[in-house]
């Protein structure tokens, strides 16, 4: 699975499902893109891949430890349909 933040594809260091969303470990530019989208309205956040494809997400929690940042993302509605 990947994250789509605005128009950027982001591959987290780790990503796994949790009840109601996903938890992703991010670093560097991937984290900056996600923070910009969250706090500055610089794009939407969606999950890409598998049965969660195109599902919009909202940031619920951010936990920084060492060089990694774990971000908890919760579902923000149904998956978008392709036209």
C-alpha atoms as a PDB file:
ATOM      1  CA  UNK A   1       0.000   0.000   0.000  1.00  0.00           C
ATOM      2  CA  UNK A   2       1.021   3.562  -0.660  1.00  0.00           C
ATOM      3  CA  UNK A   3      -0.344   6.946   0.302  1.00  0.00           C
ATOM      4  CA  UNK A   4      -1.403   9.583  -2.195  1.00  0.00           C
ATOM      5  CA  UNK A   5      -0.862  13.032  -0.710  1.00  0.00           C
ATOM      6  CA  UNK A   6      -2.090  15.721  -3.068  1.00  0.00           C
ATOM      7  CA  UNK A   7      -0.478  14.677  -6.358  1.00  0.00           C
ATOM      8  CA  UNK A   8       2.448  12.786  -4.767  1.00  0.00           C
ATOM      9  CA  UNK A   9       2.783   9.045  -4.277  1.00  0.00           C
ATOM     10  CA  UNK A  10       4.386   8.195  -0.960  1.00  0.00           C
ATOM     11  CA  UNK A  11       5.684   4.791   0.046  1.00  0.00           C
ATOM     12  CA  UNK A  12       5.865   4.609   3.863  1.00  0.00           C
ATOM     13  CA  UNK A  13       8.708   2.760   5.572  1.00  0.00           C
ATOM     14  CA  UNK A  14       5.938   0.596   7.045  1.00  0.00           C
ATOM     15  CA  UNK A  15       2.151   0.609   6.752  1.00  0.00           C
ATOM     16  CA  UNK A  16      -0.474  -1.646   8.265  1.00  0.00           C
ATOM     17  CA  UNK A  17      -4.196  -1.679   8.842  1.00  0.00           C
ATOM     18  CA  UNK A  18      -5.767  -0.865  12.161  1.00  0.00           C
ATOM     19  CA  UNK A  19      -9.421  -0.723  13.151  1.00  0.00           C
ATOM     20  CA  UNK A  20     -10.894   2.180  11.176  1.00  0.00           C
ATOM     21  CA  UNK A  21      -7.774   3.110   9.227  1.00  0.00           C
ATOM     22  CA  UNK A  22      -4.054   2.571   8.746  1.00  0.00           C
ATOM     23  CA  UNK A  23      -0.861   3.310  10.625  1.00  0.00           C
ATOM     24  CA  UNK A  24       2.128   4.446   8.569  1.00  0.00           C
ATOM     25  CA  UNK A  25       5.785   5.063   9.463  1.00  0.00           C
ATOM     26  CA  UNK A  26       7.152   8.048   7.535  1.00  0.00           C
ATOM     27  CA  UNK A  27      10.481   9.841   7.168  1.00  0.00           C
ATOM     28  CA  UNK A  28      11.871  12.885   5.380  1.00  0.00           C
ATOM     29  CA  UNK A  29       9.998  14.255   2.355  1.00  0.00           C
ATOM     30  CA  UNK A  30       7.162  11.755   2.825  1.00  0.00           C
ATOM     31  CA  UNK A  31       6.487  13.138   6.306  1.00  0.00           C
ATOM     32  CA  UNK A  32       6.782  16.751   5.166  1.00  0.00           C
ATOM     33  CA  UNK A  33       4.240  16.176   2.370  1.00  0.00           C
ATOM     34  CA  UNK A  34       1.790  14.614   4.800  1.00  0.00           C
ATOM     35  CA  UNK A  35       2.223  17.419   7.350  1.00  0.00           C
ATOM     36  CA  UNK A  36       1.715  20.068   4.640  1.00  0.00           C
ATOM     37  CA  UNK A  37      -1.505  18.371   3.544  1.00  0.00           C
ATOM     38  CA  UNK A  38      -2.707  18.089   7.131  1.00  0.00           C
ATOM     39  CA  UNK A  39      -1.870  21.521   8.508  1.00  0.00           C
ATOM     40  CA  UNK A  40      -1.740  23.736   5.400  1.00  0.00           C
ATOM     41  CA  UNK A  41      -4.484  22.198   3.264  1.00  0.00           C
ATOM     42  CA  UNK A  42      -1.921  21.244   0.589  1.00  0.00           C
ATOM     43  CA  UNK A  43      -3.903  18.314  -0.836  1.00  0.00           C
ATOM     44  CA  UNK A  44      -5.968  15.357   0.198  1.00  0.00           C
ATOM     45  CA  UNK A  45      -4.677  12.095   1.667  1.00  0.00           C
ATOM     46  CA  UNK A  46      -5.751   8.734   0.255  1.00  0.00           C
ATOM     47  CA  UNK A  47      -4.567   5.171   0.490  1.00  0.00           C
ATOM     48  CA  UNK A  48      -3.579   3.422  -2.749  1.00  0.00           C
ATOM     49  CA  UNK A  49      -3.611  -0.330  -3.221  1.00  0.00           C
ATOM     50  CA  UNK A  50      -5.589  -3.402  -2.318  1.00  0.00           C
ATOM     51  CA  UNK A  51      -9.184  -3.283  -1.183  1.00  0.00           C
ATOM     52  CA  UNK A  52      -8.616   0.155   0.406  1.00  0.00           C
ATOM     53  CA  UNK A  53      -7.763   1.760  -2.950  1.00  0.00           C
ATOM     54  CA  UNK A  54      -8.779   5.440  -3.216  1.00  0.00           C
ATOM     55  CA  UNK A  55     -10.114   5.560   0.350  1.00  0.00           C
ATOM     56  CA  UNK A  56      -9.751   9.119   1.774  1.00  0.00           C
ATOM     57  CA  UNK A  57      -7.967   9.482   5.121  1.00  0.00           C
ATOM     58  CA  UNK A  58      -7.657  12.035   7.921  1.00  0.00           C
ATOM     59  CA  UNK A  59      -4.734  12.275  10.324  1.00  0.00           C
ATOM     60  CA  UNK A  60      -5.790  11.217  13.826  1.00  0.00           C
ATOM     61  CA  UNK A  61      -2.419  11.057  15.608  1.00  0.00           C
ATOM     62  CA  UNK A  62       1.281  11.716  15.067  1.00  0.00           C
ATOM     63  CA  UNK A  63       3.939  10.072  17.235  1.00  0.00           C
ATOM     64  CA  UNK A  64       7.617  10.929  16.773  1.00  0.00           C
ATOM     65  CA  UNK A  65      10.284   8.512  18.012  1.00  0.00           C
ATOM     66  CA  UNK A  66      13.910   8.790  16.951  1.00  0.00           C
ATOM     67  CA  UNK A  67      14.200   9.086  13.163  1.00  0.00           C
ATOM     68  CA  UNK A  68      10.730   7.695  12.491  1.00  0.00           C
ATOM     69  CA  UNK A  69       7.293   9.212  12.762  1.00  0.00           C
ATOM     70  CA  UNK A  70       4.245   7.004  13.129  1.00  0.00           C
ATOM     71  CA  UNK A  71       1.068   8.538  11.755  1.00  0.00           C
ATOM     72  CA  UNK A  72      -2.386   7.137  12.485  1.00  0.00           C
ATOM     73  CA  UNK A  73      -4.794   7.790   9.610  1.00  0.00           C
ATOM     74  CA  UNK A  74      -8.531   7.120   9.899  1.00  0.00           C
ATOM     75  CA  UNK A  75     -11.015   6.610   7.093  1.00  0.00           C
ATOM     76  CA  UNK A  76     -12.779   9.811   6.039  1.00  0.00           C
ATOM     77  CA  UNK A  77     -15.459   8.328   3.815  1.00  0.00           C
ATOM     78  CA  UNK A  78     -16.002   5.720   1.133  1.00  0.00           C
ATOM     79  CA  UNK A  79     -13.534   4.973  -1.657  1.00  0.00           C
ATOM     80  CA  UNK A  80     -13.773   7.269  -4.655  1.00  0.00           C
ATOM     81  CA  UNK A  81     -15.155   5.694  -7.803  1.00  0.00           C
ATOM     82  CA  UNK A  82     -13.317   5.790 -11.102  1.00  0.00           C
ATOM     83  CA  UNK A  83     -15.073   7.534 -13.936  1.00  0.00           C
END
